[in-house]
Amino acid sequence: MKKIKIGIVNVTGYAGIELARLLVRHPGVELVSVTGRSAAGQKLAEVFPHLAGATELTIESELGNVDFAFVAMPHKESALEVMKLIRRGIKVVDISADFRLSNPDDYIEWYGFSHPSPELLDKAVYGLPELYRKDIASAELVANPGCYPTSAILALAPAVKNNIVDEDIIIDSKSGVSGAGRTLAIGSHYSEANENTCAYALKGHRHLPEIVQELAYQGGEEVNVTFVPHLVPMTRGILSTCYAALTPEYTSRENSQQEITAIYKEFYKDEPFVKVVDAPPHTKNTWGSNMCHIYSFVDARTGRLIVVSCIDNLMKGAAGQAIQNMNIMSGFAEVAGLEAPPIYP
């Protein structure tokens, strides 16, 4: 079978280089072109020695002749690259936030720019396969979800869709420092981040409207979400703990725990990358894999549902999910190139 020619725009970020690591061993594709303005002209394996022996590609300033592209540029810049690729007839998975929100006004409020191509927002498919697999299969442009939204939406979608909880939801998420990217910043310096944990963006994180949008789609009505992210001193991983009051139907039942667990297991029973587990998961349980582990718990004392989810922010939260989307768009087995189990310890 002829392999699909793949390109990566901005391979030098964490998501971009994780894409490269996975794609060089993908059975159905050939990684033929990668770009990166700061490293153009250099061998990819020289800039990233962990790829020594895996690829001879040279980083370019412009993307070459490809059938499919991943765009891993910062927001606003990414949209401009996507527009050029779509005009060339190239299918795209965009890693940035530039096509995740359906309302163009949200980009002004949350990202500080007017969207340069609002007509593409209607064509872009939100790339969470567990919810939108059929739409992804026929899409030309897929908006890869954010890392925090992936963990939160997967944790809460079964509860919201099945009217298990009220609309008032609290999400407490903790992420490793790789979520901040490779750009130098005081907060991600070793001496600042090590042995230190902090909450941030309490006035509103940019991923909040994405979470609200997708949970509203699942439940058919608006949800009221409090989302507080935290930075923790580890390299990769996200743990989200979500809280919501149970609806009266479930607070009045003695077997609510068993019923809700059964609903979650049924919701994700055929999903290759979501596992409903029997104990609260650890971030190490999904490290280096495209898996999401979910645990739901009924707190009978308070009448709340507590749902914990874990992902690797660079895999299911970025590059792994992007390849999962590409597999669906290209007719490959959904697990192709993503079969490796988590790394331990």
Protein backbone atom coordinates (compact mmCIF):
# COMPACT_ATOMS: atom_id res chain seq x y z
CA MET A 1 0.00 0.00 0.00
CA LYS A 2 1.28 3.44 -0.92
CA LYS A 3 2.20 5.49 2.11
CA ILE A 4 0.75 8.96 2.73
CA LYS A 5 3.29 11.77 2.64
CA ILE A 6 3.17 13.72 5.90
CA GLY A 7 4.45 17.15 6.90
CA ILE A 8 4.74 18.95 10.24
CA VAL A 9 4.62 22.73 10.46
CA ASN A 10 6.74 23.82 13.46
CA VAL A 11 8.37 20.58 14.48
CA THR A 12 10.52 22.29 17.11
CA GLY A 13 7.84 22.59 19.81
CA TYR A 14 7.06 19.78 22.22
CA ALA A 15 3.93 18.71 20.34
CA GLY A 16 5.73 18.94 17.00
CA ILE A 17 8.68 16.80 17.98
CA GLU A 18 6.40 14.27 19.69
CA LEU A 19 4.51 14.02 16.39
CA ALA A 20 7.80 13.35 14.59
CA ARG A 21 8.80 10.64 17.07
CA LEU A 22 5.52 8.81 16.52
CA LEU A 23 5.26 9.33 12.77
CA VAL A 24 8.70 7.98 11.85
CA ARG A 25 7.47 4.54 12.97
CA HIS A 26 3.86 4.79 11.74
CA PRO A 27 3.20 1.91 9.29
CA GLY A 28 1.00 3.88 6.88
CA VAL A 29 2.83 7.18 6.45
CA GLU A 30 6.13 8.66 5.40
CA LEU A 31 7.28 11.79 7.20
CA VAL A 32 8.79 13.78 4.32
CA SER A 33 8.84 17.43 5.40
CA VAL A 34 9.17 19.35 8.67
CA THR A 35 9.52 23.08 9.28
CA GLY A 36 10.89 25.17 12.11
CA ARG A 37 11.97 28.77 11.72
CA SER A 38 14.54 28.75 14.51
CA ALA A 39 16.27 25.57 13.27
CA ALA A 40 15.81 25.72 9.47
CA GLY A 41 18.67 24.10 7.63
CA GLN A 42 19.66 21.80 10.47
CA LYS A 43 19.18 18.04 10.63
CA LEU A 44 16.19 17.09 12.76
CA ALA A 45 18.21 14.43 14.59
CA GLU A 46 20.95 16.97 15.38
CA VAL A 47 18.50 19.39 16.98
CA PHE A 48 16.75 16.50 18.76
CA PRO A 49 19.36 13.78 19.39
CA HIS A 50 16.78 11.31 20.71
CA LEU A 51 15.80 10.82 17.04
CA ALA A 52 19.33 9.84 15.97
CA GLY A 53 19.07 6.90 13.58
CA ALA A 54 15.32 7.33 13.18
CA THR A 55 15.27 10.05 10.51
CA GLU A 56 17.57 11.92 8.13
CA LEU A 57 15.17 14.82 7.57
CA THR A 58 16.41 18.38 7.42
CA ILE A 59 14.27 21.08 9.00
CA GLU A 60 12.95 23.44 6.31
CA SER A 61 11.56 26.96 6.31
CA GLU A 62 8.56 26.00 4.11
CA LEU A 63 6.59 22.79 3.92
CA GLY A 64 7.28 20.60 0.90
CA ASN A 65 4.98 18.41 -1.19
CA VAL A 66 2.73 16.49 1.22
CA ASP A 67 -0.67 14.80 1.29
CA PHE A 68 -1.43 15.56 4.92
CA ALA A 69 -0.13 18.13 7.39
CA PHE A 70 -0.01 18.74 11.12
CA VAL A 71 0.21 22.39 12.12
CA ALA A 72 1.75 23.04 15.54
CA MET A 73 2.17 26.81 15.44
CA PRO A 74 1.12 29.17 18.25
CA HIS A 75 -2.44 30.48 18.13
CA LYS A 76 -3.20 33.11 15.49
CA GLU A 77 -0.10 32.13 13.50
CA SER A 78 -1.47 28.62 13.12
CA ALA A 79 -4.67 29.81 11.41
CA LEU A 80 -2.65 31.54 8.69
CA GLU A 81 -0.70 28.35 7.96
CA VAL A 82 -3.86 26.23 7.95
CA MET A 83 -5.54 28.56 5.46
CA LYS A 84 -2.65 28.15 3.01
CA LEU A 85 -2.69 24.36 3.32
CA ILE A 86 -6.45 24.08 2.86
CA ARG A 87 -6.18 26.16 -0.33
CA ARG A 88 -3.62 23.62 -1.56
CA GLY A 89 -6.11 20.80 -0.99
CA ILE A 90 -4.12 19.30 1.89
CA LYS A 91 -5.90 17.70 4.82
CA VAL A 92 -4.90 19.24 8.15
CA VAL A 93 -4.94 18.51 11.84
CA ASP A 94 -4.32 21.77 13.69
CA ILE A 95 -2.74 21.43 17.13
CA SER A 96 -3.43 25.02 18.15
CA ALA A 97 -6.68 26.50 19.49
CA ASP A 98 -7.41 28.40 16.27
CA PHE A 99 -10.28 26.20 15.05
CA ARG A 100 -11.63 24.71 18.29
CA LEU A 101 -14.20 27.39 19.10
CA SER A 102 -17.30 27.72 16.95
CA ASN A 103 -17.98 31.39 17.79
CA PRO A 104 -15.42 33.73 16.18
CA ASP A 105 -16.11 36.37 18.86
CA ASP A 106 -14.62 34.02 21.44
CA TYR A 107 -11.21 34.47 19.83
CA ILE A 108 -11.31 38.19 20.51
CA GLU A 109 -12.25 37.63 24.16
CA TRP A 110 -9.99 34.69 25.00
CA TYR A 111 -7.07 34.93 22.55
CA GLY A 112 -6.94 38.62 21.74
CA PHE A 113 -7.29 38.50 17.95
CA SER A 114 -9.97 38.56 15.28
CA HIS A 115 -10.11 35.22 13.52
CA PRO A 116 -8.68 35.57 9.98
CA SER A 117 -10.87 32.84 8.51
CA PRO A 118 -14.20 32.53 10.37
CA GLU A 119 -15.73 30.61 7.44
CA LEU A 120 -13.35 27.73 8.23
CA LEU A 121 -14.71 27.48 11.78
CA ASP A 122 -17.90 26.00 10.34
CA LYS A 123 -15.92 23.41 8.38
CA ALA A 124 -13.52 22.40 11.15
CA VAL A 125 -14.41 19.32 13.21
CA TYR A 126 -13.54 19.17 16.89
CA GLY A 127 -11.06 16.32 17.10
CA LEU A 128 -12.21 14.31 20.08
CA PRO A 129 -12.74 10.90 18.43
CA GLU A 130 -14.75 9.46 21.30
CA LEU A 131 -17.46 12.05 20.58
CA TYR A 132 -17.07 12.99 16.90
CA ARG A 133 -15.56 9.99 15.12
CA LYS A 134 -17.99 9.99 12.18
CA ASP A 135 -17.50 13.70 11.50
CA ILE A 136 -13.72 13.37 11.76
CA ALA A 137 -13.70 10.60 9.15
CA SER A 138 -14.98 12.93 6.42
CA ALA A 139 -13.24 16.13 7.57
CA GLU A 140 -10.64 18.15 5.68
CA LEU A 141 -9.71 20.14 8.81
CA VAL A 142 -9.70 18.83 12.35
CA ALA A 143 -9.11 21.01 15.40
CA ASN A 144 -7.11 18.95 17.87
CA PRO A 145 -8.51 19.53 21.38
CA GLY A 146 -6.50 21.19 24.11
CA CYS A 147 -4.85 19.05 26.76
CA TYR A 148 -6.92 20.27 29.71
CA PRO A 149 -10.19 20.05 27.74
CA THR A 150 -9.40 16.50 26.62
CA SER A 151 -9.03 15.32 30.22
CA ALA A 152 -12.06 17.27 31.49
CA ILE A 153 -14.47 16.54 28.64
CA LEU A 154 -13.74 12.82 28.61
CA ALA A 155 -14.26 12.77 32.37
CA LEU A 156 -17.59 14.58 32.26
CA ALA A 157 -19.23 13.76 28.91
CA PRO A 158 -20.99 10.57 30.09
CA ALA A 159 -22.37 12.33 33.17
CA VAL A 160 -23.57 15.40 31.29
CA LYS A 161 -25.03 13.46 28.38
CA ASN A 162 -26.95 11.10 30.68
CA ASN A 163 -28.24 13.88 32.96
CA ILE A 164 -26.43 12.46 35.97
CA VAL A 165 -25.24 15.84 37.29
CA ASP A 166 -26.49 19.41 37.56
CA GLU A 167 -25.07 22.12 35.31
CA ASP A 168 -22.77 23.60 38.00
CA ILE A 169 -19.38 21.89 37.59
CA ILE A 170 -15.95 22.37 39.18
CA ILE A 171 -12.82 21.13 37.42
CA ASP A 172 -9.47 21.05 39.24
CA SER A 173 -6.65 20.15 36.83
CA LYS A 174 -2.95 19.67 37.43
CA SER A 175 -0.39 19.63 34.61
CA GLY A 176 3.30 19.01 34.18
CA VAL A 177 5.52 21.84 32.97
CA SER A 178 5.77 20.57 29.39
CA GLY A 179 2.26 21.94 28.93
CA ALA A 180 3.78 25.42 28.93
CA GLY A 181 5.83 24.60 25.81
CA ARG A 182 9.53 25.08 25.03
CA THR A 183 9.51 28.88 25.02
CA LEU A 184 11.61 30.20 27.90
CA ALA A 185 9.59 31.53 30.82
CA ILE A 186 10.40 32.14 34.47
CA GLY A 187 7.64 29.84 35.70
CA SER A 188 9.04 26.79 33.92
CA HIS A 189 12.68 27.26 34.98
CA TYR A 190 13.83 24.31 37.07
CA SER A 191 14.52 26.35 40.21
CA GLU A 192 11.07 27.94 39.96
CA ALA A 193 9.00 24.84 39.13
CA ASN A 194 10.83 22.21 41.17
CA GLU A 195 9.31 21.47 44.59
CA ASN A 196 6.59 24.00 43.82
CA THR A 197 2.88 23.80 43.00
CA CYS A 198 0.63 26.71 42.13
CA ALA A 199 -2.81 27.54 40.79
CA TYR A 200 -3.01 30.01 37.90
CA ALA A 201 -5.45 31.69 35.50
CA LEU A 202 -8.17 31.93 38.14
CA LYS A 203 -9.85 34.74 36.19
CA GLY A 204 -10.32 32.36 33.28
CA HIS A 205 -8.02 30.01 31.38
CA ARG A 206 -8.12 30.01 27.58
CA HIS A 207 -9.25 26.38 27.62
CA LEU A 208 -12.39 27.25 29.61
CA PRO A 209 -14.62 28.25 26.64
CA GLU A 210 -13.61 25.04 24.87
CA ILE A 211 -14.69 22.94 27.85
CA VAL A 212 -17.96 24.86 28.23
CA GLN A 213 -18.73 24.62 24.51
CA GLU A 214 -18.25 20.88 24.28
CA LEU A 215 -20.05 19.98 27.51
CA ALA A 216 -23.00 22.13 26.41
CA TYR A 217 -23.11 20.21 23.13
CA GLN A 218 -23.22 16.92 25.04
CA GLY A 219 -25.91 17.97 27.49
CA GLY A 220 -27.97 20.13 25.17
CA GLU A 221 -27.88 23.12 27.51
CA GLU A 222 -25.43 25.62 28.98
CA VAL A 223 -23.18 24.51 31.83
CA ASN A 224 -21.62 26.64 34.55
CA VAL A 225 -17.97 25.60 34.83
CA THR A 226 -15.35 26.69 37.35
CA PHE A 227 -11.98 25.60 35.98
CA VAL A 228 -8.77 26.01 37.99
CA PRO A 229 -5.51 24.71 36.47
CA HIS A 230 -2.38 24.04 38.52
CA LEU A 231 1.26 23.63 37.59
CA VAL A 232 2.98 20.73 39.33
CA PRO A 233 6.69 19.79 39.34
CA MET A 234 6.68 16.97 36.79
CA THR A 235 7.49 16.92 33.09
CA ARG A 236 4.34 15.49 31.55
CA GLY A 237 0.87 14.38 32.55
CA ILE A 238 -2.51 15.85 33.51
CA LEU A 239 -4.77 14.83 36.36
CA SER A 240 -8.25 16.38 36.40
CA THR A 241 -10.60 15.99 39.34
CA CYS A 242 -14.14 17.07 38.48
CA TYR A 243 -16.99 17.73 40.93
CA ALA A 244 -20.71 18.16 40.27
CA ALA A 245 -23.92 17.73 42.29
CA LEU A 246 -25.89 14.64 41.36
CA THR A 247 -29.39 15.16 40.01
CA PRO A 248 -32.22 14.12 42.39
CA GLU A 249 -32.75 10.91 40.43
CA TYR A 250 -29.31 9.70 41.47
CA THR A 251 -29.11 11.11 44.99
CA SER A 252 -32.22 9.12 45.92
CA ARG A 253 -30.85 5.74 44.86
CA GLU A 254 -28.82 3.39 47.03
CA ASN A 255 -27.08 1.81 44.03
CA SER A 256 -26.07 5.06 42.28
CA GLN A 257 -22.38 4.10 42.36
CA GLN A 258 -22.97 0.86 40.48
CA GLU A 259 -25.35 2.49 37.99
CA ILE A 260 -23.02 5.39 37.18
CA THR A 261 -20.00 3.11 36.85
CA ALA A 262 -22.03 0.98 34.43
CA ILE A 263 -23.00 4.09 32.43
CA TYR A 264 -19.35 5.12 32.12
CA LYS A 265 -18.24 1.65 31.08
CA GLU A 266 -20.99 1.44 28.48
CA PHE A 267 -20.17 4.91 27.14
CA TYR A 268 -16.53 3.99 26.55
CA LYS A 269 -16.82 0.23 25.99
CA ASP A 270 -15.53 0.27 22.40
CA GLU A 271 -12.97 3.03 22.82
CA PRO A 272 -9.37 1.89 22.31
CA PHE A 273 -7.84 4.77 24.25
CA VAL A 274 -10.24 5.31 27.16
CA LYS A 275 -10.31 2.91 30.09
CA VAL A 276 -12.76 3.21 32.97
CA VAL A 277 -10.72 1.99 35.94
CA ASP A 278 -11.65 0.64 39.36
CA ALA A 279 -9.46 2.94 41.48
CA PRO A 280 -8.33 6.57 41.23
CA PRO A 281 -5.70 6.68 38.46
CA HIS A 282 -2.19 8.10 38.70
CA THR A 283 -0.54 10.19 35.98
CA LYS A 284 2.12 7.47 35.72
CA ASN A 285 -0.63 5.09 34.56
CA THR A 286 -0.85 6.87 31.19
CA TRP A 287 2.67 8.32 30.83
CA GLY A 288 4.00 8.07 27.26
CA SER A 289 0.75 6.60 25.90
CA ASN A 290 -2.42 7.79 24.15
CA MET A 291 -4.57 6.42 26.97
CA CYS A 292 -7.05 8.23 29.18
CA HIS A 293 -7.93 6.57 32.49
CA ILE A 294 -11.20 7.59 34.16
CA TYR A 295 -12.58 6.83 37.61
CA SER A 296 -16.02 7.93 38.84
CA PHE A 297 -17.03 8.04 42.50
CA VAL A 298 -20.36 8.84 44.13
CA ASP A 299 -19.90 10.80 47.35
CA ALA A 300 -23.16 9.85 49.10
CA ARG A 301 -22.44 12.18 52.03
CA THR A 302 -22.43 15.34 49.87
CA GLY A 303 -24.55 14.12 46.95
CA ARG A 304 -21.76 14.81 44.49
CA LEU A 305 -20.18 12.90 41.66
CA ILE A 306 -16.38 13.02 41.61
CA VAL A 307 -14.65 12.01 38.39
CA VAL A 308 -10.88 11.70 38.06
CA SER A 309 -9.13 11.44 34.71
CA CYS A 310 -5.48 11.09 33.72
CA ILE A 311 -3.75 11.64 30.39
CA ASP A 312 -0.27 12.37 29.09
CA ASN A 313 -0.60 15.98 27.95
CA LEU A 314 1.79 15.47 25.02
CA MET A 315 0.09 12.29 23.84
CA LYS A 316 -3.70 12.09 24.28
CA GLY A 317 -3.51 15.81 25.04
CA ALA A 318 -1.65 16.71 21.81
CA ALA A 319 0.43 14.59 19.41
CA GLY A 320 -1.08 11.17 20.10
CA GLN A 321 -4.62 12.41 19.68
CA ALA A 322 -3.59 14.27 16.51
CA ILE A 323 -2.35 10.99 15.02
CA GLN A 324 -5.51 9.24 16.19
CA ASN A 325 -7.44 11.87 14.21
CA MET A 326 -5.19 11.45 11.18
CA ASN A 327 -5.76 7.70 11.28
CA ILE A 328 -9.52 8.20 11.18
CA MET A 329 -9.31 10.82 8.42
CA SER A 330 -7.04 8.61 6.32
CA GLY A 331 -8.79 5.27 6.74
CA PHE A 332 -6.07 3.66 8.87
CA ALA A 333 -6.73 1.55 11.91
CA GLU A 334 -7.39 4.07 14.67
CA VAL A 335 -4.64 2.63 16.86
CA ALA A 336 -1.97 2.63 14.12
CA GLY A 337 1.30 4.02 15.43
CA LEU A 338 -0.17 4.38 18.93
CA GLU A 339 -0.20 0.82 20.22
CA ALA A 340 2.62 1.18 22.77
CA PRO A 341 1.36 0.86 26.35
CA PRO A 342 2.31 3.40 29.03
CA ILE A 343 5.89 3.58 30.29
CA TYR A 344 6.58 2.48 33.86
CA PRO A 345 8.13 3.51 36.17
